[in-house]
Each structure stands twice: as structure tokens, then as C-alpha cells.
PDB file of N, CA and C in Angstrom:
ATOM      1  N   UNK A   1     271.361   8.848-121.883  1.00  0.00           N
ATOM      2  CA  UNK A   1     270.188   8.754-121.075  1.00  0.00           C
ATOM      3  C   UNK A   1     270.483   9.032-119.629  1.00  0.00           C
ATOM      4  N   UNK A   2     271.002   8.108-118.962  1.00  0.00           N
ATOM      5  CA  UNK A   2     271.317   8.259-117.543  1.00  0.00           C
ATOM      6  C   UNK A   2     272.499   7.383-117.194  1.00  0.00           C
ATOM      7  N   UNK A   3     272.807   7.386-115.966  1.00  0.00           N
ATOM      8  CA  UNK A   3     273.905   6.537-115.524  1.00  0.00           C
ATOM      9  C   UNK A   3     273.467   5.085-115.510  1.00  0.00           C
ATOM     10  N   UNK A   4     274.382   4.171-115.781  1.00  0.00           N
ATOM     11  CA  UNK A   4     274.020   2.760-115.729  1.00  0.00           C
ATOM     12  C   UNK A   4     273.614   2.360-114.309  1.00  0.00           C
ATOM     13  N   UNK A   5     272.730   1.408-114.223  1.00  0.00           N
ATOM     14  CA  UNK A   5     272.233   0.959-112.922  1.00  0.00           C
ATOM     15  C   UNK A   5     273.345   0.265-112.139  1.00  0.00           C
ATOM     16  N   UNK A   6     273.411   0.573-110.871  1.00  0.00           N
ATOM     17  CA  UNK A   6     274.384  -0.055-109.978  1.00  0.00           C
ATOM     18  C   UNK A   6     273.849  -1.414-109.548  1.00  0.00           C
ATOM     19  N   UNK A   7     274.709  -2.408-109.431  1.00  0.00           N
ATOM     20  CA  UNK A   7     274.228  -3.704-108.938  1.00  0.00           C
ATOM     21  C   UNK A   7     273.795  -3.589-107.484  1.00  0.00           C
ATOM     22  N   UNK A   8     272.806  -4.386-107.134  1.00  0.00           N
ATOM     23  CA  UNK A   8     272.326  -4.370-105.758  1.00  0.00           C
ATOM     24  C   UNK A   8     273.406  -4.893-104.819  1.00  0.00           C
ATOM     25  N   UNK A   9     273.565  -4.259-103.652  1.00  0.00           N
ATOM     26  CA  UNK A   9     274.581  -4.742-102.732  1.00  0.00           C
ATOM     27  C   UNK A   9     274.231  -6.130-102.196  1.00  0.00           C
ATOM     28  N   UNK A  10     275.268  -6.890-101.963  1.00  0.00           N
ATOM     29  CA  UNK A  10     275.093  -8.236-101.428  1.00  0.00           C
ATOM     30  C   UNK A  10     274.619  -8.145 -99.980  1.00  0.00           C
ATOM     31  N   UNK A  11     273.435  -8.702 -99.623  1.00  0.00           N
ATOM     32  CA  UNK A  11     272.952  -8.581 -98.246  1.00  0.00           C
ATOM     33  C   UNK A  11     273.835  -9.290 -97.230  1.00  0.00           C
ATOM     34  N   UNK A  12     274.606 -10.265 -97.671  1.00  0.00           N
ATOM     35  CA  UNK A  12     275.494 -10.967 -96.745  1.00  0.00           C
ATOM     36  C   UNK A  12     276.895 -10.377 -96.765  1.00  0.00           C
ATOM     37  N   UNK A  13     277.069  -9.234 -97.394  1.00  0.00           N
ATOM     38  CA  UNK A  13     278.372  -8.628 -97.536  1.00  0.00           C
ATOM     39  C   UNK A  13     278.964  -8.091 -96.249  1.00  0.00           C
ATOM     40  N   UNK A  14     278.148  -7.855 -95.232  1.00  0.00           N
ATOM     41  CA  UNK A  14     278.677  -7.312 -93.983  1.00  0.00           C
ATOM     42  C   UNK A  14     278.946  -8.401 -92.948  1.00  0.00           C
ATOM     43  N   UNK A  15     278.843  -9.635 -93.338  1.00  0.00           N
ATOM     44  CA  UNK A  15     279.104 -10.738 -92.413  1.00  0.00           C
ATOM     45  C   UNK A  15     280.593 -11.043 -92.409  1.00  0.00           C
ATOM     46  N   UNK A  16     281.211 -10.704 -91.321  1.00  0.00           N
ATOM     47  CA  UNK A  16     282.640 -10.905 -91.184  1.00  0.00           C
ATOM     48  C   UNK A  16     282.906 -11.736 -89.929  1.00  0.00           C
ATOM     49  N   UNK A  17     283.907 -12.583 -89.963  1.00  0.00           N
ATOM     50  CA  UNK A  17     284.235 -13.324 -88.744  1.00  0.00           C
ATOM     51  C   UNK A  17     284.677 -12.413 -87.600  1.00  0.00           C
ATOM     52  N   UNK A  18     285.123 -11.207 -87.910  1.00  0.00           N
ATOM     53  CA  UNK A  18     285.519 -10.250 -86.872  1.00  0.00           C
ATOM     54  C   UNK A  18     284.340  -9.869 -85.987  1.00  0.00           C
ATOM     55  N   UNK A  19     283.119  -9.945 -86.520  1.00  0.00           N
ATOM     56  CA  UNK A  19     281.945  -9.581 -85.733  1.00  0.00           C
ATOM     57  C   UNK A  19     281.740 -10.491 -84.529  1.00  0.00           C
ATOM     58  N   UNK A  20     282.291 -11.690 -84.564  1.00  0.00           N
ATOM     59  CA  UNK A  20     282.165 -12.602 -83.426  1.00  0.00           C
ATOM     60  C   UNK A  20     282.861 -12.041 -82.192  1.00  0.00           C
ATOM     61  N   UNK A  21     283.837 -11.173 -82.375  1.00  0.00           N
ATOM     62  CA  UNK A  21     284.515 -10.577 -81.211  1.00  0.00           C
ATOM     63  C   UNK A  21     283.574  -9.721 -80.373  1.00  0.00           C
ATOM     64  N   UNK A  22     282.488  -9.260 -80.952  1.00  0.00           N
ATOM     65  CA  UNK A  22     281.553  -8.422 -80.208  1.00  0.00           C
ATOM     66  C   UNK A  22     280.822  -9.197 -79.110  1.00  0.00           C
ATOM     67  N   UNK A  23     280.950 -10.513 -79.117  1.00  0.00           N
ATOM     68  CA  UNK A  23     280.344 -11.315 -78.045  1.00  0.00           C
ATOM     69  C   UNK A  23     281.129 -11.141 -76.734  1.00  0.00           C
ATOM     70  N   UNK A  24     282.413 -10.864 -76.845  1.00  0.00           N
ATOM     71  CA  UNK A  24     283.268 -10.762 -75.651  1.00  0.00           C
ATOM     72  C   UNK A  24     282.752  -9.738 -74.646  1.00  0.00           C
ATOM     73  N   UNK A  25     282.491  -8.469 -75.047  1.00  0.00           N
ATOM     74  CA  UNK A  25     282.023  -7.516 -74.018  1.00  0.00           C
ATOM     75  C   UNK A  25     280.596  -7.775 -73.543  1.00  0.00           C
ATOM     76  N   UNK A  26     279.895  -8.689 -74.161  1.00  0.00           N
ATOM     77  CA  UNK A  26     278.561  -9.063 -73.682  1.00  0.00           C
ATOM     78  C   UNK A  26     278.667 -10.183 -72.654  1.00  0.00           C
ATOM     79  N   UNK A  27     279.511 -11.169 -72.939  1.00  0.00           N
ATOM     80  CA  UNK A  27     279.596 -12.355 -72.095  1.00  0.00           C
ATOM     81  C   UNK A  27     280.457 -12.127 -70.847  1.00  0.00           C
ATOM     82  N   UNK A  28     281.568 -11.436 -70.991  1.00  0.00           N
ATOM     83  CA  UNK A  28     282.494 -11.279 -69.863  1.00  0.00           C
ATOM     84  C   UNK A  28     281.840 -10.641 -68.643  1.00  0.00           C
ATOM     85  N   UNK A  29     281.052  -9.561 -68.766  1.00  0.00           N
ATOM     86  CA  UNK A  29     280.422  -9.013 -67.547  1.00  0.00           C
ATOM     87  C   UNK A  29     279.370  -9.921 -66.920  1.00  0.00           C
ATOM     88  N   UNK A  30     278.948 -10.952 -67.613  1.00  0.00           N
ATOM     89  CA  UNK A  30     277.942 -11.866 -67.084  1.00  0.00           C
ATOM     90  C   UNK A  30     278.542 -13.001 -66.253  1.00  0.00           C
ATOM     91  N   UNK A  31     279.861 -13.018 -66.107  1.00  0.00           N
ATOM     92  CA  UNK A  31     280.524 -14.068 -65.340  1.00  0.00           C
ATOM     93  C   UNK A  31     280.686 -13.585 -63.898  1.00  0.00           C
ATOM     94  N   UNK A  32     279.851 -14.067 -62.973  1.00  0.00           N
ATOM     95  CA  UNK A  32     279.889 -13.566 -61.601  1.00  0.00           C
ATOM     96  C   UNK A  32     281.189 -13.834 -60.864  1.00  0.00           C
ATOM     97  N   UNK A  33     281.906 -14.868 -61.226  1.00  0.00           N
ATOM     98  CA  UNK A  33     283.154 -15.179 -60.530  1.00  0.00           C
ATOM     99  C   UNK A  33     284.202 -14.080 -60.696  1.00  0.00           C
ATOM    100  N   UNK A  34     284.055 -13.257 -61.705  1.00  0.00           N
ATOM    101  CA  UNK A  34     285.031 -12.191 -61.914  1.00  0.00           C
ATOM    102  C   UNK A  34     284.904 -11.066 -60.889  1.00  0.00           C
ATOM    103  N   UNK A  35     283.696 -10.760 -60.478  1.00  0.00           N
ATOM    104  CA  UNK A  35     283.506  -9.581 -59.627  1.00  0.00           C
ATOM    105  C   UNK A  35     282.817  -9.877 -58.306  1.00  0.00           C
ATOM    106  N   UNK A  36     282.760 -11.121 -57.908  1.00  0.00           N
ATOM    107  CA  UNK A  36     282.099 -11.489 -56.662  1.00  0.00           C
ATOM    108  C   UNK A  36     283.084 -11.401 -55.501  1.00  0.00           C
ATOM    109  N   UNK A  37     283.628 -10.197 -55.278  1.00  0.00           N
ATOM    110  CA  UNK A  37     284.567  -9.978 -54.189  1.00  0.00           C
ATOM    111  C   UNK A  37     284.630  -8.476 -53.887  1.00  0.00           C
ATOM    112  N   UNK A  38     285.175  -8.145 -52.751  1.00  0.00           N
ATOM    113  CA  UNK A  38     285.383  -6.727 -52.408  1.00  0.00           C
ATOM    114  C   UNK A  38     286.835  -6.347 -52.675  1.00  0.00           C
ATOM    115  N   UNK A  39     287.716  -7.250 -52.351  1.00  0.00           N
ATOM    116  CA  UNK A  39     289.147  -7.012 -52.573  1.00  0.00           C
ATOM    117  C   UNK A  39     289.519  -7.496 -53.967  1.00  0.00           C
ATOM    118  N   UNK A  40     290.453  -6.976 -54.641  1.00  0.00           N
ATOM    119  CA  UNK A  40     291.311  -5.862 -54.286  1.00  0.00           C
ATOM    120  C   UNK A  40     290.612  -4.536 -54.534  1.00  0.00           C
ATOM    121  N   UNK A  41     291.006  -3.554 -53.794  1.00  0.00           N
ATOM    122  CA  UNK A  41     290.488  -2.215 -54.012  1.00  0.00           C
ATOM    123  C   UNK A  41     291.487  -1.425 -54.862  1.00  0.00           C
ATOM    124  N   UNK A  42     290.967  -0.462 -55.571  1.00  0.00           N
ATOM    125  CA  UNK A  42     291.800   0.410 -56.404  1.00  0.00           C
ATOM    126  C   UNK A  42     291.387   1.845 -56.125  1.00  0.00           C
ATOM    127  N   UNK A  43     292.270   2.620 -55.567  1.00  0.00           N
ATOM    128  CA  UNK A  43     291.994   3.993 -55.156  1.00  0.00           C
ATOM    129  C   UNK A  43     290.754   4.008 -54.245  1.00  0.00           C
ATOM    130  N   UNK A  44     290.705   3.091 -53.327  1.00  0.00           N
ATOM    131  CA  UNK A  44     289.646   2.884 -52.325  1.00  0.00           C
ATOM    132  C   UNK A  44     288.286   2.503 -52.923  1.00  0.00           C
ATOM    133  N   UNK A  45     288.244   2.125 -54.181  1.00  0.00           N
ATOM    134  CA  UNK A  45     287.012   1.612 -54.788  1.00  0.00           C
ATOM    135  C   UNK A  45     287.048   0.106 -54.769  1.00  0.00           C
ATOM    136  N   UNK A  46     285.967  -0.557 -54.337  1.00  0.00           N
ATOM    137  CA  UNK A  46     285.926  -2.011 -54.345  1.00  0.00           C
ATOM    138  C   UNK A  46     286.030  -2.556 -55.778  1.00  0.00           C
ATOM    139  N   UNK A  47     286.378  -3.801 -55.856  1.00  0.00           N
ATOM    140  CA  UNK A  47     286.574  -4.486 -57.143  1.00  0.00           C
ATOM    141  C   UNK A  47     285.390  -4.305 -58.086  1.00  0.00           C
ATOM    142  N   UNK A  48     284.169  -4.432 -57.565  1.00  0.00           N
ATOM    143  CA  UNK A  48     282.984  -4.373 -58.420  1.00  0.00           C
ATOM    144  C   UNK A  48     282.926  -3.075 -59.217  1.00  0.00           C
ATOM    145  N   UNK A  49     283.217  -1.951 -58.569  1.00  0.00           N
ATOM    146  CA  UNK A  49     283.062  -0.656 -59.229  1.00  0.00           C
ATOM    147  C   UNK A  49     284.135  -0.407 -60.285  1.00  0.00           C
ATOM    148  N   UNK A  50     285.383  -0.673 -59.957  1.00  0.00           N
ATOM    149  CA  UNK A  50     286.387  -0.394 -60.972  1.00  0.00           C
ATOM    150  C   UNK A  50     286.383  -1.448 -62.069  1.00  0.00           C
ATOM    151  N   UNK A  51     285.864  -2.631 -61.761  1.00  0.00           N
ATOM    152  CA  UNK A  51     285.758  -3.634 -62.812  1.00  0.00           C
ATOM    153  C   UNK A  51     284.669  -3.253 -63.823  1.00  0.00           C
ATOM    154  N   UNK A  52     283.631  -2.568 -63.377  1.00  0.00           N
ATOM    155  CA  UNK A  52     282.615  -2.077 -64.317  1.00  0.00           C
ATOM    156  C   UNK A  52     283.226  -1.095 -65.316  1.00  0.00           C
ATOM    157  N   UNK A  53     284.117  -0.246 -64.846  1.00  0.00           N
ATOM    158  CA  UNK A  53     284.818   0.674 -65.755  1.00  0.00           C
ATOM    159  C   UNK A  53     285.742  -0.099 -66.698  1.00  0.00           C
ATOM    160  N   UNK A  54     286.333  -1.158 -66.215  1.00  0.00           N
ATOM    161  CA  UNK A  54     287.182  -1.985 -67.080  1.00  0.00           C
ATOM    162  C   UNK A  54     286.340  -2.677 -68.157  1.00  0.00           C
ATOM    163  N   UNK A  55     285.111  -3.073 -67.810  1.00  0.00           N
ATOM    164  CA  UNK A  55     284.229  -3.682 -68.814  1.00  0.00           C
ATOM    165  C   UNK A  55     283.876  -2.668 -69.905  1.00  0.00           C
ATOM    166  N   UNK A  56     283.704  -1.420 -69.533  1.00  0.00           N
ATOM    167  CA  UNK A  56     283.434  -0.380 -70.540  1.00  0.00           C
ATOM    168  C   UNK A  56     284.625  -0.240 -71.472  1.00  0.00           C
ATOM    169  N   UNK A  57     285.819  -0.198 -70.891  1.00  0.00           N
ATOM    170  CA  UNK A  57     287.036  -0.095 -71.717  1.00  0.00           C
ATOM    171  C   UNK A  57     287.177  -1.317 -72.630  1.00  0.00           C
ATOM    172  N   UNK A  58     286.824  -2.497 -72.118  1.00  0.00           N
ATOM    173  CA  UNK A  58     286.871  -3.707 -72.947  1.00  0.00           C
ATOM    174  C   UNK A  58     285.905  -3.599 -74.123  1.00  0.00           C
ATOM    175  N   UNK A  59     284.705  -3.088 -73.872  1.00  0.00           N
ATOM    176  CA  UNK A  59     283.716  -2.921 -74.942  1.00  0.00           C
ATOM    177  C   UNK A  59     284.175  -1.926 -75.989  1.00  0.00           C
ATOM    178  N   UNK A  60     284.755  -0.819 -75.545  1.00  0.00           N
ATOM    179  CA  UNK A  60     285.248   0.188 -76.495  1.00  0.00           C
ATOM    180  C   UNK A  60     286.388  -0.371 -77.319  1.00  0.00           C
ATOM    181  N   UNK A  61     287.322  -1.050 -76.671  1.00  0.00           N
ATOM    182  CA  UNK A  61     288.466  -1.613 -77.392  1.00  0.00           C
ATOM    183  C   UNK A  61     288.017  -2.661 -78.404  1.00  0.00           C
ATOM    184  N   UNK A  62     287.103  -3.530 -77.995  1.00  0.00           N
ATOM    185  CA  UNK A  62     286.614  -4.586 -78.895  1.00  0.00           C
ATOM    186  C   UNK A  62     285.873  -3.984 -80.082  1.00  0.00           C
ATOM    187  N   UNK A  63     285.019  -3.012 -79.813  1.00  0.00           N
ATOM    188  CA  UNK A  63     284.272  -2.376 -80.885  1.00  0.00           C
ATOM    189  C   UNK A  63     285.203  -1.658 -81.860  1.00  0.00           C
ATOM    190  N   UNK A  64     286.249  -1.022 -81.345  1.00  0.00           N
ATOM    191  CA  UNK A  64     287.214  -0.335 -82.205  1.00  0.00           C
ATOM    192  C   UNK A  64     287.951  -1.326 -83.096  1.00  0.00           C
ATOM    193  N   UNK A  65     288.368  -2.437 -82.522  1.00  0.00           N
ATOM    194  CA  UNK A  65     289.075  -3.457 -83.325  1.00  0.00           C
ATOM    195  C   UNK A  65     288.169  -3.990 -84.414  1.00  0.00           C
ATOM    196  N   UNK A  66     286.938  -4.318 -84.079  1.00  0.00           N
ATOM    197  CA  UNK A  66     286.008  -4.864 -85.076  1.00  0.00           C
ATOM    198  C   UNK A  66     285.728  -3.841 -86.163  1.00  0.00           C
ATOM    199  N   UNK A  67     285.544  -2.587 -85.780  1.00  0.00           N
ATOM    200  CA  UNK A  67     285.288  -1.542 -86.776  1.00  0.00           C
ATOM    201  C   UNK A  67     286.467  -1.393 -87.728  1.00  0.00           C
ATOM    202  N   UNK A  68     287.670  -1.320 -87.171  1.00  0.00           N
ATOM    203  CA  UNK A  68     288.853  -1.145 -88.011  1.00  0.00           C
ATOM    204  C   UNK A  68     289.070  -2.329 -88.955  1.00  0.00           C
ATOM    205  N   UNK A  69     288.744  -3.514 -88.492  1.00  0.00           N
ATOM    206  CA  UNK A  69     288.979  -4.697 -89.319  1.00  0.00           C
ATOM    207  C   UNK A  69     287.884  -4.946 -90.349  1.00  0.00           C
ATOM    208  N   UNK A  70     286.703  -4.330 -90.170  1.00  0.00           N
ATOM    209  CA  UNK A  70     285.601  -4.598 -91.102  1.00  0.00           C
ATOM    210  C   UNK A  70     285.219  -3.412 -91.962  1.00  0.00           C
ATOM    211  N   UNK A  71     285.805  -2.233 -91.739  1.00  0.00           N
ATOM    212  CA  UNK A  71     285.400  -1.092 -92.557  1.00  0.00           C
ATOM    213  C   UNK A  71     285.896  -1.285 -93.988  1.00  0.00           C
ATOM    214  N   UNK A  72     285.176  -0.685 -94.889  1.00  0.00           N
ATOM    215  CA  UNK A  72     285.490  -0.821 -96.294  1.00  0.00           C
ATOM    216  C   UNK A  72     286.784  -0.095 -96.608  1.00  0.00           C
ATOM    217  N   UNK A  73     287.652  -0.753 -97.328  1.00  0.00           N
ATOM    218  CA  UNK A  73     288.921  -0.156 -97.722  1.00  0.00           C
ATOM    219  C   UNK A  73     288.784   0.454 -99.112  1.00  0.00           C
ATOM    220  N   UNK A  74     289.640   1.376 -99.415  1.00  0.00           N
ATOM    221  CA  UNK A  74     289.655   1.950-100.753  1.00  0.00           C
ATOM    222  C   UNK A  74     288.698   3.090-100.917  1.00  0.00           C
ATOM    223  N   UNK A  75     287.836   2.999-101.923  1.00  0.00           N
ATOM    224  CA  UNK A  75     286.897   4.082-102.211  1.00  0.00           C
ATOM    225  C   UNK A  75     287.527   5.107-103.139  1.00  0.00           C
ATOM    226  N   UNK A  76     288.206   4.629-104.182  1.00  0.00           N
ATOM    227  CA  UNK A  76     288.893   5.534-105.103  1.00  0.00           C
ATOM    228  C   UNK A  76     287.942   6.400-105.927  1.00  0.00           C
ATOM    229  N   UNK A  77     286.636   6.159-105.917  1.00  0.00           N
ATOM    230  CA  UNK A  77     285.731   6.950-106.747  1.00  0.00           C
ATOM    231  C   UNK A  77     285.269   8.216-106.016  1.00  0.00           C
ATOM    232  N   UNK A  78     285.732   8.482-104.815  1.00  0.00           N
ATOM    233  CA  UNK A  78     285.306   9.698-104.107  1.00  0.00           C
ATOM    234  C   UNK A  78     286.301  10.782-104.287  1.00  0.00           C
TER     235      UNK A  78
END
């Protein structure tokens, strides 16, 4: 007839404790004590500007770690 029906995926199957790490790049830039200064400067840029670039790097690094730790392993049927 046809192929046997596949079981429905578990809706809670993507809940991993690694996902909690994604809070870090959201909360860290909201802490004013980190960037409420002009000094130190980096290549003549005040702290606020280069720290914004550091927050982007933090978000990329955190997202990469979470992705690598939560992606599905295997897949021998492909």
C-alpha cells in the first residue's frame, strides 16, 4: 500500500538545557555598569562603541555553542 505512518514528533523534543545560554547575550548588554564610561579606549574608540561589537561577538559565540550542542546527531537514513 504505502509507507507506514511516522510517529508524530514530540513537541517538547527541542527543549534543551543548552537553550538557557541564549539568555546571556540578552541580559549582558542590559547591565549599564559595564559600559557607563568613556575609558578605556581601543583604537581611539570609546568603551561604549567597542563594547557593542563585543556584545555582537558574545551573541554569535553563544548561539554557535547552543546550536552545536542541540543539533540532531546521526541521521543514518539520508
